[in-house]
C-alpha atoms as a PDB file:
ATOM      1  CA  MET A   1     -78.032  -7.128 -40.571  1.00  0.00           C
ATOM      2  CA  THR A   2     -76.003  -5.632 -43.301  1.00  0.00           C
ATOM      3  CA  ILE A   3     -72.301  -5.803 -43.906  1.00  0.00           C
ATOM      4  CA  GLY A   4     -71.891  -2.233 -42.728  1.00  0.00           C
ATOM      5  CA  GLU A   5     -73.599  -3.052 -39.453  1.00  0.00           C
ATOM      6  CA  ILE A   6     -71.400  -6.134 -38.999  1.00  0.00           C
ATOM      7  CA  PHE A   7     -68.254  -4.072 -39.590  1.00  0.00           C
ATOM      8  CA  LEU A   8     -69.562  -1.389 -37.282  1.00  0.00           C
ATOM      9  CA  THR A   9     -70.279  -3.946 -34.566  1.00  0.00           C
ATOM     10  CA  ALA A  10     -66.869  -5.575 -35.067  1.00  0.00           C
ATOM     11  CA  ALA A  11     -65.214  -2.169 -34.885  1.00  0.00           C
ATOM     12  CA  GLY A  12     -67.122  -1.366 -31.690  1.00  0.00           C
ATOM     13  CA  VAL A  13     -66.136  -4.686 -30.138  1.00  0.00           C
ATOM     14  CA  ALA A  14     -62.521  -4.129 -31.205  1.00  0.00           C
ATOM     15  CA  ILE A  15     -62.513  -0.666 -29.636  1.00  0.00           C
ATOM     16  CA  ILE A  16     -63.933  -2.094 -26.405  1.00  0.00           C
ATOM     17  CA  VAL A  17     -61.348  -4.919 -26.355  1.00  0.00           C
ATOM     18  CA  ILE A  18     -58.522  -2.506 -27.123  1.00  0.00           C
ATOM     19  CA  THR A  19     -59.776  -0.157 -24.398  1.00  0.00           C
ATOM     20  CA  ILE A  20     -59.918  -3.028 -21.892  1.00  0.00           C
ATOM     21  CA  PHE A  21     -56.307  -3.935 -22.669  1.00  0.00           C
ATOM     22  CA  LEU A  22     -55.058  -0.339 -22.908  1.00  0.00           C
ATOM     23  CA  VAL A  23     -56.475   0.876 -19.584  1.00  0.00           C
ATOM     24  CA  PRO A  24     -54.068  -1.240 -17.434  1.00  0.00           C
ATOM     25  CA  VAL A  25     -51.192  -0.272 -19.703  1.00  0.00           C
ATOM     26  CA  LEU A  26     -52.058   3.405 -19.370  1.00  0.00           C
ATOM     27  CA  ILE A  27     -52.356   3.019 -15.582  1.00  0.00           C
ATOM     28  CA  GLN A  28     -48.896   1.421 -15.505  1.00  0.00           C
ATOM     29  CA  LEU A  29     -47.524   4.212 -17.701  1.00  0.00           C
ATOM     30  CA  ARG A  30     -48.975   6.752 -15.277  1.00  0.00           C
ATOM     31  CA  LYS A  31     -47.285   4.967 -12.358  1.00  0.00           C
ATOM     32  CA  VAL A  32     -43.985   4.874 -14.265  1.00  0.00           C
ATOM     33  CA  GLY A  33     -44.347   8.581 -14.999  1.00  0.00           C
ATOM     34  CA  GLU A  34     -44.960   9.328 -11.318  1.00  0.00           C
ATOM     35  CA  ARG A  35     -41.909   7.265 -10.344  1.00  0.00           C
ATOM     36  CA  ALA A  36     -39.850   9.087 -12.949  1.00  0.00           C
ATOM     37  CA  GLU A  37     -40.999  12.428 -11.551  1.00  0.00           C
ATOM     38  CA  THR A  38     -40.099  11.285  -8.026  1.00  0.00           C
ATOM     39  CA  LEU A  39     -36.702  10.111  -9.235  1.00  0.00           C
ATOM     40  CA  LEU A  40     -36.046  13.389 -11.043  1.00  0.00           C
ATOM     41  CA  ALA A  41     -37.040  15.376  -7.960  1.00  0.00           C
ATOM     42  CA  SER A  42     -34.703  13.254  -5.839  1.00  0.00           C
ATOM     43  CA  LEU A  43     -31.898  13.706  -8.362  1.00  0.00           C
ATOM     44  CA  ASN A  44     -32.487  17.464  -8.417  1.00  0.00           C
ATOM     45  CA  GLN A  45     -31.996  17.487  -4.654  1.00  0.00           C
ATOM     46  CA  GLU A  46     -29.001  15.132  -4.495  1.00  0.00           C
ATOM     47  CA  VAL A  47     -26.994  16.056  -7.589  1.00  0.00           C
ATOM     48  CA  PRO A  48     -26.027  19.668  -6.685  1.00  0.00           C
ATOM     49  CA  PRO A  49     -24.355  18.690  -3.361  1.00  0.00           C
ATOM     50  CA  LEU A  50     -22.674  15.782  -5.137  1.00  0.00           C
ATOM     51  CA  LEU A  51     -21.362  18.121  -7.833  1.00  0.00           C
ATOM     52  CA  LYS A  52     -20.155  20.514  -5.145  1.00  0.00           C
ATOM     53  CA  ASN A  53     -18.262  17.663  -3.443  1.00  0.00           C
ATOM     54  CA  LEU A  54     -16.813  16.586  -6.786  1.00  0.00           C
ATOM     55  CA  ASN A  55     -15.618  20.132  -7.475  1.00  0.00           C
ATOM     56  CA  GLU A  56     -14.019  20.323  -4.033  1.00  0.00           C
ATOM     57  CA  SER A  57     -12.352  16.944  -4.591  1.00  0.00           C
ATOM     58  CA  ALA A  58     -11.097  18.114  -7.972  1.00  0.00           C
ATOM     59  CA  ALA A  59      -9.650  21.247  -6.375  1.00  0.00           C
ATOM     60  CA  ASP A  60      -7.956  19.128  -3.687  1.00  0.00           C
ATOM     61  CA  LEU A  61      -6.546  16.853  -6.390  1.00  0.00           C
ATOM     62  CA  ARG A  62      -5.202  19.890  -8.244  1.00  0.00           C
ATOM     63  CA  LEU A  63      -3.461  21.091  -5.074  1.00  0.00           C
ATOM     64  CA  LEU A  64      -2.063  17.619  -4.442  1.00  0.00           C
ATOM     65  CA  THR A  65      -0.876  17.348  -8.043  1.00  0.00           C
ATOM     66  CA  ASN A  66       0.846  20.735  -7.839  1.00  0.00           C
ATOM     67  CA  SER A  67       2.511  19.732  -4.579  1.00  0.00           C
ATOM     68  CA  LEU A  68       3.643  16.434  -6.062  1.00  0.00           C
ATOM     69  CA  ASN A  69       4.989  18.213  -9.129  1.00  0.00           C
ATOM     70  CA  ARG A  70       7.054  20.519  -6.905  1.00  0.00           C
ATOM     71  CA  ARG A  71       8.376  17.522  -4.964  1.00  0.00           C
ATOM     72  CA  VAL A  72       9.258  15.718  -8.187  1.00  0.00           C
ATOM     73  CA  GLU A  73      11.151  18.798  -9.370  1.00  0.00           C
ATOM     74  CA  GLU A  74      13.029  18.923  -6.049  1.00  0.00           C
ATOM     75  CA  VAL A  75      13.883  15.229  -6.343  1.00  0.00           C
ATOM     76  CA  GLU A  76      15.070  15.798  -9.914  1.00  0.00           C
ATOM     77  CA  GLN A  77      17.340  18.588  -8.679  1.00  0.00           C
ATOM     78  CA  ILE A  78      18.708  16.345  -5.918  1.00  0.00           C
ATOM     79  CA  ILE A  79      19.310  13.555  -8.423  1.00  0.00           C
ATOM     80  CA  GLY A  80      21.112  16.037 -10.691  1.00  0.00           C
ATOM     81  CA  GLN A  81      23.294  17.140  -7.792  1.00  0.00           C
ATOM     82  CA  ALA A  82      23.996  13.500  -6.906  1.00  0.00           C
ATOM     83  CA  ARG A  83      25.003  12.851 -10.519  1.00  0.00           C
ATOM     84  CA  ASN A  84      27.335  15.843 -10.444  1.00  0.00           C
ATOM     85  CA  ALA A  85      28.839  14.645  -7.147  1.00  0.00           C
ATOM     86  CA  THR A  86      29.281  11.157  -8.573  1.00  0.00           C
ATOM     87  CA  ASP A  87      30.922  12.548 -11.695  1.00  0.00           C
ATOM     88  CA  THR A  88      33.233  14.664  -9.520  1.00  0.00           C
ATOM     89  CA  PHE A  89      34.068  11.634  -7.386  1.00  0.00           C
ATOM     90  CA  PHE A  90      34.887   9.507 -10.430  1.00  0.00           C
ATOM     91  CA  HIS A  91      36.937  12.327 -11.893  1.00  0.00           C
ATOM     92  CA  THR A  92      38.851  12.588  -8.590  1.00  0.00           C
ATOM     93  CA  VAL A  93      39.417   8.826  -8.501  1.00  0.00           C
ATOM     94  CA  ASP A  94      40.632   8.889 -12.093  1.00  0.00           C
ATOM     95  CA  LEU A  95      42.927  11.811 -11.313  1.00  0.00           C
ATOM     96  CA  PHE A  96      44.214   9.926  -8.267  1.00  0.00           C
ATOM     97  CA  LYS A  97      44.896   6.847 -10.382  1.00  0.00           C
ATOM     98  CA  LYS A  98      46.741   8.810 -13.034  1.00  0.00           C
ATOM     99  CA  THR A  99      48.804  11.123 -10.826  1.00  0.00           C
ATOM    100  CA  LEU A 100      49.183   9.918  -7.257  1.00  0.00           C
ATOM    101  CA  LEU A 101      49.133   6.155  -7.754  1.00  0.00           C
ATOM    102  CA  PRO A 102      52.324   6.091  -9.843  1.00  0.00           C
ATOM    103  CA  VAL A 103      54.060   8.280  -7.237  1.00  0.00           C
ATOM    104  CA  ILE A 104      52.834   6.059  -4.395  1.00  0.00           C
ATOM    105  CA  THR A 105      53.958   3.002  -6.334  1.00  0.00           C
ATOM    106  CA  LYS A 106      57.427   4.498  -6.846  1.00  0.00           C
ATOM    107  CA  VAL A 107      57.692   5.501  -3.182  1.00  0.00           C
ATOM    108  CA  GLY A 108      56.535   2.036  -2.141  1.00  0.00           C
ATOM    109  CA  THR A 109      58.995   0.395  -4.479  1.00  0.00           C
ATOM    110  CA  PHE A 110      61.784   2.635  -3.251  1.00  0.00           C
ATOM    111  CA  SER A 111      60.825   1.895   0.373  1.00  0.00           C
ATOM    112  CA  ALA A 112      60.776  -1.847  -0.302  1.00  0.00           C
ATOM    113  CA  GLY A 113      64.169  -1.638  -2.006  1.00  0.00           C
ATOM    114  CA  LEU A 114      65.607   0.434   0.814  1.00  0.00           C
ATOM    115  CA  TYR A 115      64.188  -1.980   3.373  1.00  0.00           C
ATOM    116  CA  ALA A 116      65.680  -4.955   1.476  1.00  0.00           C
ATOM    117  CA  PHE A 117      69.048  -3.168   1.249  1.00  0.00           C
ATOM    118  CA  LEU A 118      69.019  -2.350   4.945  1.00  0.00           C
ATOM    119  CA  ASN A 119      68.108  -5.934   5.827  1.00  0.00           C
ATOM    120  CA  PHE A 120      70.856  -7.213   3.573  1.00  0.00           C
ATOM    121  CA  PHE A 121      73.314  -4.721   5.052  1.00  0.00           C
ATOM    122  CA  LYS A 122      72.225  -5.638   8.554  1.00  0.00           C
ATOM    123  CA  LYS A 123      72.648  -9.365   7.852  1.00  0.00           C
ATOM    124  CA  SER A 124      76.042  -8.846   6.313  1.00  0.00           C
ATOM    125  CA  ARG A 125      77.187  -6.899   9.388  1.00  0.00           C
ATOM    126  CA  GLN A 126      75.883  -9.602  11.671  1.00  0.00           C
ATOM    127  CA  ASP A 127      77.710 -12.263   9.697  1.00  0.00           C
ATOM    128  CA  ASN A 128      81.003 -10.451  10.123  1.00  0.00           C
END
């Protein structure tokens, strides 16, 4: 047996050993490929209805967002009107304090003085 024959025999044995180990791996790869094909077919059937539902949900969310935006604008307008009413109220209170309160105070003071005078006058008449 020559060196060439030994290498040729070793190469043949190596090819046989590699083939023995590669056959189960290739069978497993084939099974994985079949499962992948089944999965892709299932996804091709299930994804379009899912995308349709997602699009419908997105459209509903857009409508809801638009409705909420309108409501927020209405609330902002109401808050603005409430601020204006509050400002008007405070302005009225301030005006009342500056104009009517001094007059009411003077009238009250005058009334109290008149009442005291009348009581004094009444007492002095009763004493006589």
